[in-house]
Amino acid sequence: MSDNEAQRVFQVVDSFDPGEFVRLLAEDARMVFGNAEPMVGRNAIAEGLRIFFATIAGLAHRVVRTWQVDADTIAETEVTYRRLDGKDVSVVAVSIWRTRDDGLISDYRVFVDLAPVYAV
């Protein structure tokens, strides 16, 4: 996956549309966000994203660097979250995903500390 493709993935994430994001995924994809329980399947992932998105007002990723290792993409990003109170908080995140031969993502993992986003 090229940097442009990684940018495209994050543009879809930043669209705040779980339905659009899951179109990038295989039907049986697995997603793990931080230390949360894995979500398996497009429907479960879309619902998990809807629940998460209800806790923030928006988000924007800036890709710092990407690495490609076979079918795996590793992306270091700075993510700016818009809190429900209107304040912006930026944190560093790493996302790792595996892409199948058909271009769909089969495994997606996000490593991030969201404590600053929810701090009072």
PDB file of N, CA and C in Angstrom:
ATOM      1  N   MET A   1       0.851  -1.173   0.000  1.00  0.00           N
ATOM      2  CA  MET A   1       0.000   0.000   0.000  1.00  0.00           C
ATOM      3  C   MET A   1       0.895   1.232   0.000  1.00  0.00           C
ATOM      4  N   SER A   2       0.603   2.173  -0.846  1.00  0.00           N
ATOM      5  CA  SER A   2       1.394   3.395  -0.940  1.00  0.00           C
ATOM      6  C   SER A   2       0.918   4.419   0.079  1.00  0.00           C
ATOM      7  N   ASP A   3       1.721   5.489   0.223  1.00  0.00           N
ATOM      8  CA  ASP A   3       1.308   6.577   1.110  1.00  0.00           C
ATOM      9  C   ASP A   3      -0.044   7.136   0.686  1.00  0.00           C
ATOM     10  N   ASN A   4      -0.279   7.205  -0.634  1.00  0.00           N
ATOM     11  CA  ASN A   4      -1.564   7.717  -1.120  1.00  0.00           C
ATOM     12  C   ASN A   4      -2.721   6.832  -0.681  1.00  0.00           C
ATOM     13  N   GLU A   5      -2.501   5.520  -0.696  1.00  0.00           N
ATOM     14  CA  GLU A   5      -3.559   4.617  -0.250  1.00  0.00           C
ATOM     15  C   GLU A   5      -3.796   4.757   1.256  1.00  0.00           C
ATOM     16  N   ALA A   6      -2.733   4.939   2.023  1.00  0.00           N
ATOM     17  CA  ALA A   6      -2.900   5.174   3.460  1.00  0.00           C
ATOM     18  C   ALA A   6      -3.669   6.473   3.681  1.00  0.00           C
ATOM     19  N   GLN A   7      -3.341   7.495   2.914  1.00  0.00           N
ATOM     20  CA  GLN A   7      -4.078   8.774   3.016  1.00  0.00           C
ATOM     21  C   GLN A   7      -5.558   8.540   2.735  1.00  0.00           C
ATOM     22  N   ARG A   8      -5.849   7.719   1.725  1.00  0.00           N
ATOM     23  CA  ARG A   8      -7.243   7.434   1.366  1.00  0.00           C
ATOM     24  C   ARG A   8      -7.969   6.741   2.512  1.00  0.00           C
ATOM     25  N   VAL A   9      -7.315   5.771   3.164  1.00  0.00           N
ATOM     26  CA  VAL A   9      -7.929   5.081   4.303  1.00  0.00           C
ATOM     27  C   VAL A   9      -8.285   6.098   5.385  1.00  0.00           C
ATOM     28  N   PHE A  10      -7.351   7.002   5.699  1.00  0.00           N
ATOM     29  CA  PHE A  10      -7.620   7.963   6.770  1.00  0.00           C
ATOM     30  C   PHE A  10      -8.636   9.023   6.358  1.00  0.00           C
ATOM     31  N   GLN A  11      -8.711   9.353   5.082  1.00  0.00           N
ATOM     32  CA  GLN A  11      -9.769  10.264   4.623  1.00  0.00           C
ATOM     33  C   GLN A  11     -11.141   9.646   4.871  1.00  0.00           C
ATOM     34  N   VAL A  12     -11.234   8.340   4.620  1.00  0.00           N
ATOM     35  CA  VAL A  12     -12.497   7.652   4.871  1.00  0.00           C
ATOM     36  C   VAL A  12     -12.794   7.636   6.370  1.00  0.00           C
ATOM     37  N   VAL A  13     -11.807   7.329   7.198  1.00  0.00           N
ATOM     38  CA  VAL A  13     -12.008   7.354   8.651  1.00  0.00           C
ATOM     39  C   VAL A  13     -12.472   8.750   9.081  1.00  0.00           C
ATOM     40  N   ASP A  14     -11.804   9.780   8.578  1.00  0.00           N
ATOM     41  CA  ASP A  14     -12.118  11.150   8.972  1.00  0.00           C
ATOM     42  C   ASP A  14     -13.463  11.636   8.455  1.00  0.00           C
ATOM     43  N   SER A  15     -14.054  10.908   7.505  1.00  0.00           N
ATOM     44  CA  SER A  15     -15.378  11.290   6.997  1.00  0.00           C
ATOM     45  C   SER A  15     -16.455  11.087   8.052  1.00  0.00           C
ATOM     46  N   PHE A  16     -16.110  10.331   9.110  1.00  0.00           N
ATOM     47  CA  PHE A  16     -17.016  10.129  10.243  1.00  0.00           C
ATOM     48  C   PHE A  16     -18.221   9.280   9.827  1.00  0.00           C
ATOM     49  N   ASP A  17     -18.022   8.425   8.821  1.00  0.00           N
ATOM     50  CA  ASP A  17     -19.093   7.601   8.271  1.00  0.00           C
ATOM     51  C   ASP A  17     -18.708   6.130   8.396  1.00  0.00           C
ATOM     52  N   PRO A  18     -19.192   5.445   9.452  1.00  0.00           N
ATOM     53  CA  PRO A  18     -18.831   4.040   9.643  1.00  0.00           C
ATOM     54  C   PRO A  18     -19.185   3.165   8.434  1.00  0.00           C
ATOM     55  N   GLY A  19     -20.293   3.455   7.774  1.00  0.00           N
ATOM     56  CA  GLY A  19     -20.687   2.677   6.615  1.00  0.00           C
ATOM     57  C   GLY A  19     -19.684   2.772   5.490  1.00  0.00           C
ATOM     58  N   GLU A  20     -19.121   3.945   5.307  1.00  0.00           N
ATOM     59  CA  GLU A  20     -18.100   4.135   4.275  1.00  0.00           C
ATOM     60  C   GLU A  20     -16.820   3.399   4.658  1.00  0.00           C
ATOM     61  N   PHE A  21     -16.439   3.475   5.927  1.00  0.00           N
ATOM     62  CA  PHE A  21     -15.214   2.800   6.369  1.00  0.00           C
ATOM     63  C   PHE A  21     -15.303   1.293   6.161  1.00  0.00           C
ATOM     64  N   VAL A  22     -16.424   0.687   6.541  1.00  0.00           N
ATOM     65  CA  VAL A  22     -16.492  -0.771   6.459  1.00  0.00           C
ATOM     66  C   VAL A  22     -16.495  -1.270   5.013  1.00  0.00           C
ATOM     67  N   ARG A  23     -16.733  -0.410   4.050  1.00  0.00           N
ATOM     68  CA  ARG A  23     -16.615  -0.823   2.641  1.00  0.00           C
ATOM     69  C   ARG A  23     -15.156  -1.116   2.266  1.00  0.00           C
ATOM     70  N   LEU A  24     -14.214  -0.615   3.079  1.00  0.00           N
ATOM     71  CA  LEU A  24     -12.794  -0.917   2.861  1.00  0.00           C
ATOM     72  C   LEU A  24     -12.414  -2.288   3.407  1.00  0.00           C
ATOM     73  N   LEU A  25     -13.320  -2.901   4.169  1.00  0.00           N
ATOM     74  CA  LEU A  25     -13.017  -4.118   4.918  1.00  0.00           C
ATOM     75  C   LEU A  25     -13.602  -5.362   4.270  1.00  0.00           C
ATOM     76  N   ALA A  26     -12.922  -6.483   4.493  1.00  0.00           N
ATOM     77  CA  ALA A  26     -13.485  -7.779   4.145  1.00  0.00           C
ATOM     78  C   ALA A  26     -14.700  -8.031   5.040  1.00  0.00           C
ATOM     79  N   GLU A  27     -15.627  -8.840   4.569  1.00  0.00           N
ATOM     80  CA  GLU A  27     -16.855  -9.121   5.324  1.00  0.00           C
ATOM     81  C   GLU A  27     -16.541  -9.651   6.726  1.00  0.00           C
ATOM     82  N   ASP A  28     -15.491 -10.466   6.849  1.00  0.00           N
ATOM     83  CA  ASP A  28     -15.136 -11.077   8.136  1.00  0.00           C
ATOM     84  C   ASP A  28     -13.946 -10.377   8.804  1.00  0.00           C
ATOM     85  N   ALA A  29     -13.739  -9.123   8.478  1.00  0.00           N
ATOM     86  CA  ALA A  29     -12.597  -8.378   9.029  1.00  0.00           C
ATOM     87  C   ALA A  29     -12.666  -8.324  10.552  1.00  0.00           C
ATOM     88  N   ARG A  30     -11.492  -8.130  11.126  1.00  0.00           N
ATOM     89  CA  ARG A  30     -11.351  -8.002  12.580  1.00  0.00           C
ATOM     90  C   ARG A  30     -10.724  -6.647  12.858  1.00  0.00           C
ATOM     91  N   MET A  31     -11.264  -5.927  13.845  1.00  0.00           N
ATOM     92  CA  MET A  31     -10.719  -4.621  14.218  1.00  0.00           C
ATOM     93  C   MET A  31     -10.561  -4.567  15.732  1.00  0.00           C
ATOM     94  N   VAL A  32      -9.402  -4.070  16.164  1.00  0.00           N
ATOM     95  CA  VAL A  32      -9.149  -3.863  17.589  1.00  0.00           C
ATOM     96  C   VAL A  32      -8.721  -2.417  17.767  1.00  0.00           C
ATOM     97  N   PHE A  33      -9.419  -1.703  18.642  1.00  0.00           N
ATOM     98  CA  PHE A  33      -9.125  -0.303  18.914  1.00  0.00           C
ATOM     99  C   PHE A  33      -8.598  -0.204  20.339  1.00  0.00           C
ATOM    100  N   GLY A  34      -7.318   0.166  20.457  1.00  0.00           N
ATOM    101  CA  GLY A  34      -6.708   0.278  21.788  1.00  0.00           C
ATOM    102  C   GLY A  34      -6.782  -1.043  22.522  1.00  0.00           C
ATOM    103  N   ASN A  35      -7.241  -1.001  23.754  1.00  0.00           N
ATOM    104  CA  ASN A  35      -7.335  -2.224  24.553  1.00  0.00           C
ATOM    105  C   ASN A  35      -8.762  -2.758  24.606  1.00  0.00           C
ATOM    106  N   ALA A  36      -9.610  -2.304  23.684  1.00  0.00           N
ATOM    107  CA  ALA A  36     -10.993  -2.780  23.627  1.00  0.00           C
ATOM    108  C   ALA A  36     -11.042  -4.202  23.069  1.00  0.00           C
ATOM    109  N   GLU A  37     -12.165  -4.843  23.277  1.00  0.00           N
ATOM    110  CA  GLU A  37     -12.378  -6.181  22.736  1.00  0.00           C
ATOM    111  C   GLU A  37     -12.407  -6.117  21.210  1.00  0.00           C
ATOM    112  N   PRO A  38     -11.914  -7.137  20.542  1.00  0.00           N
ATOM    113  CA  PRO A  38     -11.961  -7.151  19.082  1.00  0.00           C
ATOM    114  C   PRO A  38     -13.398  -7.108  18.565  1.00  0.00           C
ATOM    115  N   MET A  39     -13.576  -6.438  17.453  1.00  0.00           N
ATOM    116  CA  MET A  39     -14.850  -6.431  16.743  1.00  0.00           C
ATOM    117  C   MET A  39     -14.622  -7.254  15.480  1.00  0.00           C
ATOM    118  N   VAL A  40     -15.547  -8.142  15.162  1.00  0.00           N
ATOM    119  CA  VAL A  40     -15.390  -9.013  14.007  1.00  0.00           C
ATOM    120  C   VAL A  40     -16.595  -8.865  13.090  1.00  0.00           C
ATOM    121  N   GLY A  41     -16.322  -8.591  11.825  1.00  0.00           N
ATOM    122  CA  GLY A  41     -17.372  -8.437  10.824  1.00  0.00           C
ATOM    123  C   GLY A  41     -17.728  -6.976  10.605  1.00  0.00           C
ATOM    124  N   ARG A  42     -18.149  -6.695   9.380  1.00  0.00           N
ATOM    125  CA  ARG A  42     -18.486  -5.316   9.022  1.00  0.00           C
ATOM    126  C   ARG A  42     -19.555  -4.705   9.921  1.00  0.00           C
ATOM    127  N   ASN A  43     -20.601  -5.465  10.220  1.00  0.00           N
ATOM    128  CA  ASN A  43     -21.689  -4.914  11.037  1.00  0.00           C
ATOM    129  C   ASN A  43     -21.220  -4.552  12.437  1.00  0.00           C
ATOM    130  N   ALA A  44     -20.457  -5.437  13.057  1.00  0.00           N
ATOM    131  CA  ALA A  44     -19.965  -5.171  14.410  1.00  0.00           C
ATOM    132  C   ALA A  44     -19.009  -3.985  14.417  1.00  0.00           C
ATOM    133  N   ILE A  45     -18.163  -3.886  13.402  1.00  0.00           N
ATOM    134  CA  ILE A  45     -17.213  -2.776  13.327  1.00  0.00           C
ATOM    135  C   ILE A  45     -17.950  -1.465  13.099  1.00  0.00           C
ATOM    136  N   ALA A  46     -18.930  -1.452  12.205  1.00  0.00           N
ATOM    137  CA  ALA A  46     -19.714  -0.231  11.967  1.00  0.00           C
ATOM    138  C   ALA A  46     -20.416   0.214  13.242  1.00  0.00           C
ATOM    139  N   GLU A  47     -20.989  -0.723  13.978  1.00  0.00           N
ATOM    140  CA  GLU A  47     -21.682  -0.369  15.227  1.00  0.00           C
ATOM    141  C   GLU A  47     -20.688   0.148  16.269  1.00  0.00           C
ATOM    142  N   GLY A  48     -19.526  -0.499  16.383  1.00  0.00           N
ATOM    143  CA  GLY A  48     -18.506  -0.022  17.318  1.00  0.00           C
ATOM    144  C   GLY A  48     -18.045   1.385  16.977  1.00  0.00           C
ATOM    145  N   LEU A  49     -17.876   1.666  15.690  1.00  0.00           N
ATOM    146  CA  LEU A  49     -17.485   3.021  15.279  1.00  0.00           C
ATOM    147  C   LEU A  49     -18.585   4.030  15.569  1.00  0.00           C
ATOM    148  N   ARG A  50     -19.847   3.649  15.345  1.00  0.00           N
ATOM    149  CA  ARG A  50     -20.946   4.575  15.663  1.00  0.00           C
ATOM    150  C   ARG A  50     -20.939   4.955  17.145  1.00  0.00           C
ATOM    151  N   ILE A  51     -20.722   3.955  17.989  1.00  0.00           N
ATOM    152  CA  ILE A  51     -20.682   4.197  19.438  1.00  0.00           C
ATOM    153  C   ILE A  51     -19.516   5.124  19.775  1.00  0.00           C
ATOM    154  N   PHE A  52     -18.340   4.850  19.218  1.00  0.00           N
ATOM    155  CA  PHE A  52     -17.174   5.695  19.477  1.00  0.00           C
ATOM    156  C   PHE A  52     -17.396   7.103  18.941  1.00  0.00           C
ATOM    157  N   PHE A  53     -17.881   7.224  17.720  1.00  0.00           N
ATOM    158  CA  PHE A  53     -18.081   8.542  17.112  1.00  0.00           C
ATOM    159  C   PHE A  53     -19.093   9.389  17.894  1.00  0.00           C
ATOM    160  N   ALA A  54     -19.997   8.756  18.624  1.00  0.00           N
ATOM    161  CA  ALA A  54     -20.967   9.505  19.430  1.00  0.00           C
ATOM    162  C   ALA A  54     -20.295  10.205  20.604  1.00  0.00           C
ATOM    163  N   THR A  55     -19.052   9.812  20.942  1.00  0.00           N
ATOM    164  CA  THR A  55     -18.352  10.402  22.085  1.00  0.00           C
ATOM    165  C   THR A  55     -17.445  11.561  21.690  1.00  0.00           C
ATOM    166  N   ILE A  56     -17.327  11.819  20.378  1.00  0.00           N
ATOM    167  CA  ILE A  56     -16.492  12.922  19.884  1.00  0.00           C
ATOM    168  C   ILE A  56     -17.270  13.674  18.804  1.00  0.00           C
ATOM    169  N   ALA A  57     -16.814  14.870  18.484  1.00  0.00           N
ATOM    170  CA  ALA A  57     -17.490  15.674  17.463  1.00  0.00           C
ATOM    171  C   ALA A  57     -16.825  15.547  16.090  1.00  0.00           C
ATOM    172  N   GLY A  58     -15.628  14.980  16.036  1.00  0.00           N
ATOM    173  CA  GLY A  58     -14.936  14.813  14.767  1.00  0.00           C
ATOM    174  C   GLY A  58     -13.490  14.409  14.996  1.00  0.00           C
ATOM    175  N   LEU A  59     -12.803  14.104  13.897  1.00  0.00           N
ATOM    176  CA  LEU A  59     -11.394  13.757  13.989  1.00  0.00           C
ATOM    177  C   LEU A  59     -10.727  13.984  12.642  1.00  0.00           C
ATOM    178  N   ALA A  60      -9.400  14.175  12.700  1.00  0.00           N
ATOM    179  CA  ALA A  60      -8.607  14.384  11.488  1.00  0.00           C
ATOM    180  C   ALA A  60      -7.233  13.759  11.699  1.00  0.00           C
ATOM    181  N   HIS A  61      -6.830  12.941  10.738  1.00  0.00           N
ATOM    182  CA  HIS A  61      -5.526  12.277  10.795  1.00  0.00           C
ATOM    183  C   HIS A  61      -4.516  13.021   9.929  1.00  0.00           C
ATOM    184  N   ARG A  62      -3.309  13.143  10.447  1.00  0.00           N
ATOM    185  CA  ARG A  62      -2.164  13.609   9.652  1.00  0.00           C
ATOM    186  C   ARG A  62      -1.163  12.468   9.648  1.00  0.00           C
ATOM    187  N   VAL A  63      -0.894  11.946   8.457  1.00  0.00           N
ATOM    188  CA  VAL A  63       0.040  10.834   8.346  1.00  0.00           C
ATOM    189  C   VAL A  63       1.456  11.364   8.521  1.00  0.00           C
ATOM    190  N   VAL A  64       2.166  10.811   9.499  1.00  0.00           N
ATOM    191  CA  VAL A  64       3.552  11.191   9.766  1.00  0.00           C
ATOM    192  C   VAL A  64       4.486  10.323   8.930  1.00  0.00           C
ATOM    193  N   ARG A  65       4.211   9.009   8.949  1.00  0.00           N
ATOM    194  CA  ARG A  65       5.077   8.086   8.222  1.00  0.00           C
ATOM    195  C   ARG A  65       4.354   6.764   8.044  1.00  0.00           C
ATOM    196  N   THR A  66       4.626   6.090   6.942  1.00  0.00           N
ATOM    197  CA  THR A  66       4.063   4.762   6.729  1.00  0.00           C
ATOM    198  C   THR A  66       5.176   3.788   6.362  1.00  0.00           C
ATOM    199  N   TRP A  67       4.947   2.531   6.699  1.00  0.00           N
ATOM    200  CA  TRP A  67       5.839   1.445   6.335  1.00  0.00           C
ATOM    201  C   TRP A  67       4.987   0.343   5.718  1.00  0.00           C
ATOM    202  N   GLN A  68       5.541  -0.312   4.733  1.00  0.00           N
ATOM    203  CA  GLN A  68       4.867  -1.444   4.106  1.00  0.00           C
ATOM    204  C   GLN A  68       5.728  -2.684   4.299  1.00  0.00           C
ATOM    205  N   VAL A  69       5.142  -3.748   4.853  1.00  0.00           N
ATOM    206  CA  VAL A  69       5.822  -5.027   5.028  1.00  0.00           C
ATOM    207  C   VAL A  69       4.877  -6.098   4.488  1.00  0.00           C
ATOM    208  N   ASP A  70       5.190  -6.565   3.290  1.00  0.00           N
ATOM    209  CA  ASP A  70       4.319  -7.532   2.616  1.00  0.00           C
ATOM    210  C   ASP A  70       2.897  -6.959   2.542  1.00  0.00           C
ATOM    211  N   ALA A  71       1.920  -7.669   3.110  1.00  0.00           N
ATOM    212  CA  ALA A  71       0.525  -7.214   3.044  1.00  0.00           C
ATOM    213  C   ALA A  71       0.148  -6.287   4.191  1.00  0.00           C
ATOM    214  N   ASP A  72       1.096  -5.959   5.047  1.00  0.00           N
ATOM    215  CA  ASP A  72       0.819  -5.128   6.221  1.00  0.00           C
ATOM    216  C   ASP A  72       1.261  -3.688   6.007  1.00  0.00           C
ATOM    217  N   THR A  73       0.406  -2.771   6.429  1.00  0.00           N
ATOM    218  CA  THR A  73       0.725  -1.343   6.419  1.00  0.00           C
ATOM    219  C   THR A  73       0.773  -0.865   7.857  1.00  0.00           C
ATOM    220  N   ILE A  74       1.801  -0.105   8.178  1.00  0.00           N
ATOM    221  CA  ILE A  74       1.958   0.499   9.497  1.00  0.00           C
ATOM    222  C   ILE A  74       1.968   1.999   9.277  1.00  0.00           C
ATOM    223  N   ALA A  75       1.095   2.701   9.964  1.00  0.00           N
ATOM    224  CA  ALA A  75       0.993   4.147   9.773  1.00  0.00           C
ATOM    225  C   ALA A  75       1.072   4.863  11.112  1.00  0.00           C
ATOM    226  N   GLU A  76       2.056   5.732  11.220  1.00  0.00           N
ATOM    227  CA  GLU A  76       2.156   6.617  12.379  1.00  0.00           C
ATOM    228  C   GLU A  76       1.397   7.888  12.022  1.00  0.00           C
ATOM    229  N   THR A  77       0.494   8.289  12.886  1.00  0.00           N
ATOM    230  CA  THR A  77      -0.318   9.473  12.612  1.00  0.00           C
ATOM    231  C   THR A  77      -0.406  10.379  13.822  1.00  0.00           C
ATOM    232  N   GLU A  78      -0.706  11.628  13.546  1.00  0.00           N
ATOM    233  CA  GLU A  78      -1.131  12.562  14.588  1.00  0.00           C
ATOM    234  C   GLU A  78      -2.618  12.753  14.347  1.00  0.00           C
ATOM    235  N   VAL A  79      -3.402  12.439  15.359  1.00  0.00           N
ATOM    236  CA  VAL A  79      -4.850  12.512  15.213  1.00  0.00           C
ATOM    237  C   VAL A  79      -5.369  13.657  16.079  1.00  0.00           C
ATOM    238  N   THR A  80      -6.092  14.550  15.450  1.00  0.00           N
ATOM    239  CA  THR A  80      -6.720  15.641  16.181  1.00  0.00           C
ATOM    240  C   THR A  80      -8.198  15.296  16.348  1.00  0.00           C
ATOM    241  N   TYR A  81      -8.588  15.155  17.605  1.00  0.00           N
ATOM    242  CA  TYR A  81      -9.974  14.847  17.941  1.00  0.00           C
ATOM    243  C   TYR A  81     -10.676  16.135  18.342  1.00  0.00           C
ATOM    244  N   ARG A  82     -11.859  16.347  17.808  1.00  0.00           N
ATOM    245  CA  ARG A  82     -12.716  17.457  18.250  1.00  0.00           C
ATOM    246  C   ARG A  82     -13.623  16.880  19.326  1.00  0.00           C
ATOM    247  N   ARG A  83     -13.449  17.396  20.532  1.00  0.00           N
ATOM    248  CA  ARG A  83     -14.256  16.928  21.652  1.00  0.00           C
ATOM    249  C   ARG A  83     -15.671  17.481  21.544  1.00  0.00           C
ATOM    250  N   LEU A  84     -16.578  16.911  22.301  1.00  0.00           N
ATOM    251  CA  LEU A  84     -17.962  17.380  22.290  1.00  0.00           C
ATOM    252  C   LEU A  84     -18.088  18.799  22.827  1.00  0.00           C
ATOM    253  N   ASP A  85     -17.098  19.245  23.633  1.00  0.00           N
ATOM    254  CA  ASP A  85     -17.123  20.615  24.146  1.00  0.00           C
ATOM    255  C   ASP A  85     -16.502  21.611  23.160  1.00  0.00           C
ATOM    256  N   GLY A  86     -16.112  21.120  21.966  1.00  0.00           N
ATOM    257  CA  GLY A  86     -15.556  21.986  20.936  1.00  0.00           C
ATOM    258  C   GLY A  86     -14.050  22.139  20.965  1.00  0.00           C
ATOM    259  N   LYS A  87     -13.392  21.643  22.010  1.00  0.00           N
ATOM    260  CA  LYS A  87     -11.935  21.735  22.092  1.00  0.00           C
ATOM    261  C   LYS A  87     -11.285  20.651  21.244  1.00  0.00           C
ATOM    262  N   ASP A  88     -10.119  20.972  20.671  1.00  0.00           N
ATOM    263  CA  ASP A  88      -9.339  20.012  19.901  1.00  0.00           C
ATOM    264  C   ASP A  88      -8.206  19.461  20.744  1.00  0.00           C
ATOM    265  N   VAL A  89      -7.977  18.154  20.637  1.00  0.00           N
ATOM    266  CA  VAL A  89      -6.882  17.482  21.327  1.00  0.00           C
ATOM    267  C   VAL A  89      -6.180  16.591  20.307  1.00  0.00           C
ATOM    268  N   SER A  90      -4.852  16.719  20.234  1.00  0.00           N
ATOM    269  CA  SER A  90      -4.071  15.899  19.306  1.00  0.00           C
ATOM    270  C   SER A  90      -3.272  14.858  20.066  1.00  0.00           C
ATOM    271  N   VAL A  91      -3.263  13.648  19.530  1.00  0.00           N
ATOM    272  CA  VAL A  91      -2.501  12.545  20.109  1.00  0.00           C
ATOM    273  C   VAL A  91      -1.820  11.774  18.975  1.00  0.00           C
ATOM    274  N   VAL A  92      -0.785  11.045  19.337  1.00  0.00           N
ATOM    275  CA  VAL A  92      -0.089  10.194  18.379  1.00  0.00           C
ATOM    276  C   VAL A  92      -0.778   8.828  18.375  1.00  0.00           C
ATOM    277  N   ALA A  93      -0.912   8.247  17.194  1.00  0.00           N
ATOM    278  CA  ALA A  93      -1.503   6.916  17.072  1.00  0.00           C
ATOM    279  C   ALA A  93      -0.726   6.116  16.038  1.00  0.00           C
ATOM    280  N   VAL A  94      -0.780   4.815  16.182  1.00  0.00           N
ATOM    281  CA  VAL A  94      -0.234   3.917  15.171  1.00  0.00           C
ATOM    282  C   VAL A  94      -1.355   2.967  14.773  1.00  0.00           C
ATOM    283  N   SER A  95      -1.567   2.855  13.479  1.00  0.00           N
ATOM    284  CA  SER A  95      -2.544   1.907  12.941  1.00  0.00           C
ATOM    285  C   SER A  95      -1.794   0.884  12.103  1.00  0.00           C
ATOM    286  N   ILE A  96      -2.217  -0.351  12.228  1.00  0.00           N
ATOM    287  CA  ILE A  96      -1.621  -1.434  11.457  1.00  0.00           C
ATOM    288  C   ILE A  96      -2.764  -2.197  10.811  1.00  0.00           C
ATOM    289  N   TRP A  97      -2.664  -2.395   9.493  1.00  0.00           N
ATOM    290  CA  TRP A  97      -3.695  -3.195   8.845  1.00  0.00           C
ATOM    291  C   TRP A  97      -3.101  -4.118   7.809  1.00  0.00           C
ATOM    292  N   ARG A  98      -3.814  -5.217   7.594  1.00  0.00           N
ATOM    293  CA  ARG A  98      -3.423  -6.228   6.610  1.00  0.00           C
ATOM    294  C   ARG A  98      -4.423  -6.176   5.473  1.00  0.00           C
ATOM    295  N   THR A  99      -3.900  -6.095   4.262  1.00  0.00           N
ATOM    296  CA  THR A  99      -4.735  -6.034   3.071  1.00  0.00           C
ATOM    297  C   THR A  99      -4.650  -7.355   2.313  1.00  0.00           C
ATOM    298  N   ARG A 100      -5.820  -7.883   1.958  1.00  0.00           N
ATOM    299  CA  ARG A 100      -5.870  -9.118   1.174  1.00  0.00           C
ATOM    300  C   ARG A 100      -5.521  -8.824  -0.283  1.00  0.00           C
ATOM    301  N   ASP A 101      -5.374  -9.873  -1.062  1.00  0.00           N
ATOM    302  CA  ASP A 101      -5.054  -9.733  -2.487  1.00  0.00           C
ATOM    303  C   ASP A 101      -6.128  -8.952  -3.237  1.00  0.00           C
ATOM    304  N   ASP A 102      -7.375  -9.004  -2.767  1.00  0.00           N
ATOM    305  CA  ASP A 102      -8.451  -8.287  -3.451  1.00  0.00           C
ATOM    306  C   ASP A 102      -8.538  -6.811  -3.038  1.00  0.00           C
ATOM    307  N   GLY A 103      -7.593  -6.370  -2.179  1.00  0.00           N
ATOM    308  CA  GLY A 103      -7.552  -4.973  -1.771  1.00  0.00           C
ATOM    309  C   GLY A 103      -8.344  -4.648  -0.516  1.00  0.00           C
ATOM    310  N   LEU A 104      -9.105  -5.603   0.005  1.00  0.00           N
ATOM    311  CA  LEU A 104      -9.883  -5.363   1.217  1.00  0.00           C
ATOM    312  C   LEU A 104      -9.036  -5.618   2.458  1.00  0.00           C
ATOM    313  N   ILE A 105      -9.305  -4.861   3.492  1.00  0.00           N
ATOM    314  CA  ILE A 105      -8.577  -4.982   4.752  1.00  0.00           C
ATOM    315  C   ILE A 105      -9.192  -6.115   5.564  1.00  0.00           C
ATOM    316  N   SER A 106      -8.347  -7.043   6.027  1.00  0.00           N
ATOM    317  CA  SER A 106      -8.845  -8.178   6.806  1.00  0.00           C
ATOM    318  C   SER A 106      -8.603  -8.022   8.305  1.00  0.00           C
ATOM    319  N   ASP A 107      -7.646  -7.201   8.679  1.00  0.00           N
ATOM    320  CA  ASP A 107      -7.305  -7.005  10.094  1.00  0.00           C
ATOM    321  C   ASP A 107      -6.843  -5.567  10.268  1.00  0.00           C
ATOM    322  N   TYR A 108      -7.435  -4.850  11.226  1.00  0.00           N
ATOM    323  CA  TYR A 108      -7.130  -3.435  11.431  1.00  0.00           C
ATOM    324  C   TYR A 108      -6.963  -3.210  12.926  1.00  0.00           C
ATOM    325  N   ARG A 109      -5.831  -2.641  13.311  1.00  0.00           N
ATOM    326  CA  ARG A 109      -5.548  -2.403  14.736  1.00  0.00           C
ATOM    327  C   ARG A 109      -5.121  -0.957  14.938  1.00  0.00           C
ATOM    328  N   VAL A 110      -5.612  -0.360  16.000  1.00  0.00           N
ATOM    329  CA  VAL A 110      -5.284   1.024  16.321  1.00  0.00           C
ATOM    330  C   VAL A 110      -4.681   1.050  17.725  1.00  0.00           C
ATOM    331  N   PHE A 111      -3.504   1.656  17.832  1.00  0.00           N
ATOM    332  CA  PHE A 111      -2.820   1.796  19.113  1.00  0.00           C
ATOM    333  C   PHE A 111      -2.758   3.275  19.451  1.00  0.00           C
ATOM    334  N   VAL A 112      -3.485   3.684  20.493  1.00  0.00           N
ATOM    335  CA  VAL A 112      -3.584   5.094  20.849  1.00  0.00           C
ATOM    336  C   VAL A 112      -4.003   5.209  22.314  1.00  0.00           C
ATOM    337  N   ASP A 113      -3.561   6.278  22.937  1.00  0.00           N
ATOM    338  CA  ASP A 113      -4.001   6.604  24.295  1.00  0.00           C
ATOM    339  C   ASP A 113      -5.011   7.739  24.181  1.00  0.00           C
ATOM    340  N   LEU A 114      -6.282   7.436  24.414  1.00  0.00           N
ATOM    341  CA  LEU A 114      -7.332   8.445  24.285  1.00  0.00           C
ATOM    342  C   LEU A 114      -7.610   9.220  25.568  1.00  0.00           C
ATOM    343  N   ALA A 115      -6.840   8.960  26.634  1.00  0.00           N
ATOM    344  CA  ALA A 115      -7.072   9.653  27.896  1.00  0.00           C
ATOM    345  C   ALA A 115      -7.098  11.175  27.731  1.00  0.00           C
ATOM    346  N   PRO A 116      -6.193  11.792  26.958  1.00  0.00           N
ATOM    347  CA  PRO A 116      -6.256  13.256  26.815  1.00  0.00           C
ATOM    348  C   PRO A 116      -7.531  13.744  26.124  1.00  0.00           C
ATOM    349  N   VAL A 117      -8.127  12.917  25.298  1.00  0.00           N
ATOM    350  CA  VAL A 117      -9.343  13.321  24.582  1.00  0.00           C
ATOM    351  C   VAL A 117     -10.510  13.462  25.560  1.00  0.00           C
ATOM    352  N   TYR A 118     -10.539  12.618  26.565  1.00  0.00           N
ATOM    353  CA  TYR A 118     -11.663  12.609  27.512  1.00  0.00           C
ATOM    354  C   TYR A 118     -11.335  13.296  28.844  1.00  0.00           C
ATOM    355  N   ALA A 119     -10.131  13.847  28.975  1.00  0.00           N
ATOM    356  CA  ALA A 119      -9.749  14.511  30.231  1.00  0.00           C
ATOM    357  C   ALA A 119     -10.626  15.742  30.464  1.00  0.00           C
ATOM    358  N   VAL A 120     -10.920  15.981  31.707  1.00  0.00           N
ATOM    359  CA  VAL A 120     -11.746  17.149  32.068  1.00  0.00           C
ATOM    360  C   VAL A 120     -10.907  18.388  32.156  1.00  0.00           C
TER     361      VAL A 120
END
